[in-house]
Protein backbone atom coordinates (compact mmCIF):
# COMPACT_ATOMS: atom_id res chain seq x y z
CA UNK A 1 54.67 -25.58 -6.55
CA UNK A 2 52.79 -27.30 -3.76
CA UNK A 3 56.07 -28.63 -2.34
CA UNK A 4 57.52 -25.11 -2.16
CA UNK A 5 54.42 -23.80 -0.36
CA UNK A 6 54.65 -26.62 2.20
CA UNK A 7 58.39 -25.99 2.73
CA UNK A 8 57.82 -22.24 3.17
CA UNK A 9 55.01 -22.89 5.66
CA UNK A 10 57.21 -25.20 7.71
CA UNK A 11 60.04 -22.65 7.80
CA UNK A 12 57.80 -19.65 8.73
CA UNK A 13 55.33 -21.15 11.19
CA UNK A 14 54.72 -17.83 12.94
CA UNK A 15 53.65 -16.06 9.74
CA UNK A 16 51.34 -18.97 8.89
CA UNK A 17 49.67 -18.63 12.29
CA UNK A 18 49.23 -14.87 11.81
CA UNK A 19 47.74 -15.35 8.33
CA UNK A 20 45.38 -18.02 9.68
CA UNK A 21 44.23 -15.73 12.50
CA UNK A 22 43.61 -12.89 10.04
CA UNK A 23 41.55 -15.15 7.78
CA UNK A 24 39.51 -16.44 10.72
CA UNK A 25 38.85 -12.89 11.96
CA UNK A 26 37.84 -11.80 8.45
CA UNK A 27 35.47 -14.76 8.17
CA UNK A 28 33.80 -13.97 11.49
CA UNK A 29 33.39 -10.31 10.48
CA UNK A 30 31.90 -11.34 7.12
CA UNK A 31 29.37 -13.67 8.75
CA UNK A 32 28.18 -10.92 11.09
CA UNK A 33 28.08 -8.00 8.62
CA UNK A 34 27.47 -9.25 5.07
CA UNK A 35 23.70 -9.41 4.37
CA UNK A 36 22.55 -12.80 3.18
CA UNK A 37 19.29 -13.65 1.42
CA UNK A 38 17.78 -17.08 1.02
CA UNK A 39 16.76 -16.00 -2.50
CA UNK A 40 19.04 -13.33 -4.03
CA UNK A 41 17.15 -10.33 -5.39
CA UNK A 42 18.05 -10.27 -9.08
CA UNK A 43 15.00 -8.28 -10.17
CA UNK A 44 15.14 -4.93 -11.93
CA UNK A 45 14.73 -1.60 -10.20
CA UNK A 46 11.09 -0.85 -10.91
CA UNK A 47 8.30 1.40 -9.68
CA UNK A 48 4.65 0.40 -10.00
CA UNK A 49 1.89 2.96 -10.50
CA UNK A 50 -1.57 1.68 -9.58
CA UNK A 51 -4.73 3.56 -10.56
CA UNK A 52 -8.36 2.72 -9.86
CA UNK A 53 -11.11 3.75 -12.29
CA UNK A 54 -14.17 1.93 -10.93
CA UNK A 55 -16.78 0.57 -13.31
CA UNK A 56 -14.88 1.30 -16.53
CA UNK A 57 -14.12 -1.18 -19.30
CA UNK A 58 -10.47 -2.05 -20.08
CA UNK A 59 -10.53 -0.04 -23.33
CA UNK A 60 -11.76 3.07 -21.50
CA UNK A 61 -9.12 2.57 -18.80
CA UNK A 62 -6.48 2.20 -21.53
CA UNK A 63 -7.47 5.39 -23.36
CA UNK A 64 -8.10 7.67 -20.38
CA UNK A 65 -5.67 6.39 -17.72
CA UNK A 66 -3.01 3.93 -18.90
CA UNK A 67 -2.01 5.74 -22.09
CA UNK A 68 -1.52 9.20 -20.48
CA UNK A 69 0.47 7.66 -17.62
CA UNK A 70 2.62 5.53 -19.91
CA UNK A 71 3.52 8.38 -22.25
CA UNK A 72 4.38 10.64 -19.31
CA UNK A 73 6.58 8.01 -17.64
CA UNK A 74 8.67 7.62 -20.81
CA UNK A 75 10.36 10.92 -19.95
CA UNK A 76 11.45 9.85 -16.44
CA UNK A 77 15.27 9.95 -16.18
CA UNK A 78 17.05 6.55 -16.30
CA UNK A 79 13.82 4.75 -17.23
CA UNK A 80 14.58 2.07 -19.83
CA UNK A 81 11.22 0.25 -20.11
CA UNK A 82 7.65 1.39 -19.43
CA UNK A 83 4.83 -1.15 -19.55
CA UNK A 84 1.13 -0.44 -19.11
CA UNK A 85 -1.66 -2.93 -18.38
CA UNK A 86 -5.37 -2.12 -18.38
CA UNK A 87 -8.01 -4.19 -16.63
CA UNK A 88 -11.63 -3.73 -15.68
CA UNK A 89 -11.67 -0.84 -13.23
CA UNK A 90 -7.93 -0.41 -12.66
CA UNK A 91 -4.60 0.13 -14.37
CA UNK A 92 -0.98 -0.87 -13.75
CA UNK A 93 2.08 0.93 -15.13
CA UNK A 94 5.53 -0.57 -14.57
CA UNK A 95 8.58 1.71 -14.90
CA UNK A 96 11.85 -0.25 -15.07
CA UNK A 97 15.07 1.71 -14.46
CA UNK A 98 18.71 1.15 -15.38
CA UNK A 99 20.72 -1.16 -13.15
CA UNK A 100 22.28 0.62 -10.20
CA UNK A 101 19.55 3.25 -9.90
CA UNK A 102 18.61 4.02 -6.32
CA UNK A 103 15.08 2.81 -5.57
CA UNK A 104 14.04 5.85 -3.55
CA UNK A 105 15.47 8.24 -6.13
CA UNK A 106 13.44 6.46 -8.80
CA UNK A 107 10.25 6.66 -6.71
CA UNK A 108 10.72 10.38 -6.13
CA UNK A 109 11.19 11.01 -9.87
CA UNK A 110 8.07 9.01 -10.72
CA UNK A 111 6.12 10.93 -8.09
CA UNK A 112 7.17 14.24 -9.65
CA UNK A 113 5.90 13.17 -13.07
CA UNK A 114 2.68 11.85 -11.52
CA UNK A 115 1.95 15.32 -10.15
CA UNK A 116 2.34 16.68 -13.67
CA UNK A 117 0.19 14.08 -15.46
CA UNK A 118 -2.61 14.02 -12.86
CA UNK A 119 -4.27 17.00 -14.54
CA UNK A 120 -4.75 14.92 -17.72
CA UNK A 121 -6.63 12.13 -15.96
CA UNK A 122 -10.42 11.94 -15.48
CA UNK A 123 -11.93 13.67 -12.47
CA UNK A 124 -11.72 11.60 -9.30
CA UNK A 125 -8.93 9.34 -10.61
CA UNK A 126 -5.83 9.45 -8.42
CA UNK A 127 -2.80 7.25 -9.22
CA UNK A 128 -0.64 5.93 -6.40
CA UNK A 129 2.76 4.26 -6.10
CA UNK A 130 3.08 0.61 -5.23
CA UNK A 131 5.14 -0.57 -2.25
CA UNK A 132 8.92 -0.34 -2.42
CA UNK A 133 9.31 -4.12 -2.56
CA UNK A 134 10.22 -6.68 -5.21
CA UNK A 135 8.79 -10.01 -6.23
CA UNK A 136 11.17 -11.88 -3.92
CA UNK A 137 10.33 -9.73 -0.90
CA UNK A 138 7.56 -12.01 0.38
CA UNK A 139 9.29 -13.29 3.50
CA UNK A 140 6.54 -14.41 5.86
CA UNK A 141 2.93 -15.53 5.76
CA UNK A 142 0.66 -16.20 8.71
CA UNK A 143 -2.99 -17.09 9.26
CA UNK A 144 -5.30 -15.59 11.86
CA UNK A 145 -7.43 -18.49 13.12
CA UNK A 146 -10.08 -18.45 15.84
CA UNK A 147 -10.27 -22.00 17.19
CA UNK A 148 -12.92 -21.02 19.74
CA UNK A 149 -15.43 -20.15 17.02
CA UNK A 150 -16.41 -16.83 18.64
CA UNK A 151 -15.35 -14.63 15.71
CA UNK A 152 -16.46 -14.81 12.10
CA UNK A 153 -14.31 -14.01 9.04
CA UNK A 154 -15.32 -10.35 9.03
CA UNK A 155 -14.26 -9.87 12.65
CA UNK A 156 -10.96 -11.65 12.04
CA UNK A 157 -10.27 -9.40 9.05
CA UNK A 158 -11.01 -6.33 11.20
CA UNK A 159 -8.54 -7.56 13.84
CA UNK A 160 -5.92 -8.01 11.14
CA UNK A 161 -6.48 -4.62 9.50
CA UNK A 162 -6.78 -2.51 12.65
CA UNK A 163 -4.68 -4.23 15.33
CA UNK A 164 -2.08 -6.58 13.81
CA UNK A 165 -1.06 -4.86 10.58
CA UNK A 166 0.22 -1.59 12.04
CA UNK A 167 2.66 -3.09 14.60
CA UNK A 168 4.07 -5.37 11.88
CA UNK A 169 4.64 -2.39 9.59
CA UNK A 170 6.92 -0.83 12.22
CA UNK A 171 9.36 -3.77 12.00
CA UNK A 172 12.61 -2.60 10.34
CA UNK A 173 12.83 -3.74 6.73
CA UNK A 174 9.09 -4.40 6.29
CA UNK A 175 7.72 -2.46 3.30
CA UNK A 176 4.14 -3.70 3.28
CA UNK A 177 1.76 -5.97 5.16
CA UNK A 178 -0.82 -7.24 2.67
CA UNK A 179 -4.07 -8.67 4.04
CA UNK A 180 -5.77 -11.49 2.16
CA UNK A 181 -8.97 -13.39 2.82
CA UNK A 182 -11.81 -12.73 5.20
CA UNK A 183 -14.47 -10.10 4.64
CA UNK A 184 -13.89 -6.37 4.93
CA UNK A 185 -16.62 -4.90 7.12
CA UNK A 186 -19.00 -2.74 5.15
CA UNK A 187 -22.60 -1.59 5.07
CA UNK A 188 -24.55 -1.95 1.83
CA UNK A 189 -27.68 0.08 1.18
CA UNK A 190 -30.13 -1.63 -1.16
CA UNK A 191 -32.25 1.06 -2.78
CA UNK A 192 -35.80 0.42 -3.96
CA UNK A 193 -36.08 2.22 -7.34
CA UNK A 194 -39.89 2.15 -7.21
CA UNK A 195 -39.90 3.95 -3.86
CA UNK A 196 -37.46 6.56 -5.16
CA UNK A 197 -39.65 7.14 -8.19
CA UNK A 198 -42.77 7.42 -6.05
CA UNK A 199 -41.21 10.06 -3.79
CA UNK A 200 -39.33 11.75 -6.66
CA UNK A 201 -35.94 11.29 -4.97
CA UNK A 202 -32.86 10.83 -7.18
CA UNK A 203 -30.24 8.23 -6.28
CA UNK A 204 -27.58 10.92 -5.91
CA UNK A 205 -29.60 12.47 -3.09
CA UNK A 206 -29.55 9.19 -1.16
CA UNK A 207 -25.77 9.01 -1.52
CA UNK A 208 -25.40 12.62 -0.44
CA UNK A 209 -27.59 12.07 2.62
CA UNK A 210 -25.49 9.11 3.77
CA UNK A 211 -22.24 11.02 3.26
CA UNK A 212 -23.48 14.00 5.26
CA UNK A 213 -24.76 11.80 8.09
CA UNK A 214 -21.45 9.93 8.43
CA UNK A 215 -19.46 12.82 9.85
CA UNK A 216 -18.39 14.50 13.07
CA UNK A 217 -18.57 18.28 13.27
CA UNK A 218 -17.02 20.74 15.66
CA UNK A 219 -18.67 23.74 17.25
CA UNK A 220 -17.47 26.65 19.28
CA UNK A 221 -16.54 26.87 22.92
CA UNK A 222 -19.03 27.44 25.71
CA UNK A 223 -17.75 29.28 28.79
CA UNK A 224 -19.39 28.37 32.07
CA UNK A 225 -17.90 29.31 35.42
CA UNK A 226 -14.49 30.22 33.98
CA UNK A 227 -14.39 26.83 32.29
CA UNK A 228 -14.46 26.25 28.55
CA UNK A 229 -16.42 23.35 27.10
CA UNK A 230 -15.92 22.20 23.53
CA UNK A 231 -19.07 21.54 21.54
CA UNK A 232 -18.99 18.61 19.11
CA UNK A 233 -21.57 16.84 17.03
CA UNK A 234 -21.03 13.07 16.88
CA UNK A 235 -22.43 11.59 13.69
CA UNK A 236 -20.31 8.67 12.53
CA UNK A 237 -22.33 5.65 11.42
CA UNK A 238 -21.58 2.72 13.71
CA UNK A 239 -24.42 0.27 13.08
CA UNK A 240 -27.25 -0.62 10.73
CA UNK A 241 -29.65 1.22 13.03
CA UNK A 242 -27.74 4.45 12.40
CA UNK A 243 -28.16 3.95 8.65
CA UNK A 244 -31.88 3.38 9.03
CA UNK A 245 -32.27 6.68 10.86
CA UNK A 246 -30.61 8.78 8.14
CA UNK A 247 -33.15 11.31 6.76
CA UNK A 248 -33.17 11.38 2.97
CA UNK A 249 -35.81 14.02 2.26
CA UNK A 250 -38.41 16.10 4.06
CA UNK A 251 -41.99 16.41 2.83
CA UNK A 252 -42.78 20.11 2.80
């Protein structure tokens, strides 16, 4: 058999050259167009539903959040497995679809059923979809380091969340940029319960006063000399001093 192939190749040299050129051209086209992954994605088509229920025990999260979501997701078309996990303060529901199901079609179907089941969840609980990425989609990791020592961990985290993350999310093919480490900037108000009791001020009133003070409001227009000026009230909290100046109650 091999001898016949060699004899035929020697007799038809021109056809051998043409076949070789075609194979080389096909190989070059394949290298440029066929997508290659360092780690092939063999995972199932799945959609993750994440729900926060702050301060609640796992059993409460299971009864009031995970169970209603899991039973509703069983009716999603092409869903073959639905798994629910309850933890302290949050819930995960994994919906695994049949092989070959389009990821974005699956996400749209899950979103439709979420709109239906949201009325059965506790007030203030809002489930959300996880990113459209798989477990092998972690492609790059970087560290934001300040070698000059001028920025602390909270400032570095703010730079990551407000300046670096958004440009990276615009890169084609990037589904999510997850920030880890550092300290998220926040203001914590430590309430003295004895002072609240002495002034007869409930804790909810303190929370309401802070929420109302951290807001910008718009007014009407003022016309002066054929020119219109917009009236705005600037009230966003920007420092600890702004928090200290928030009025909680007025002594009549």
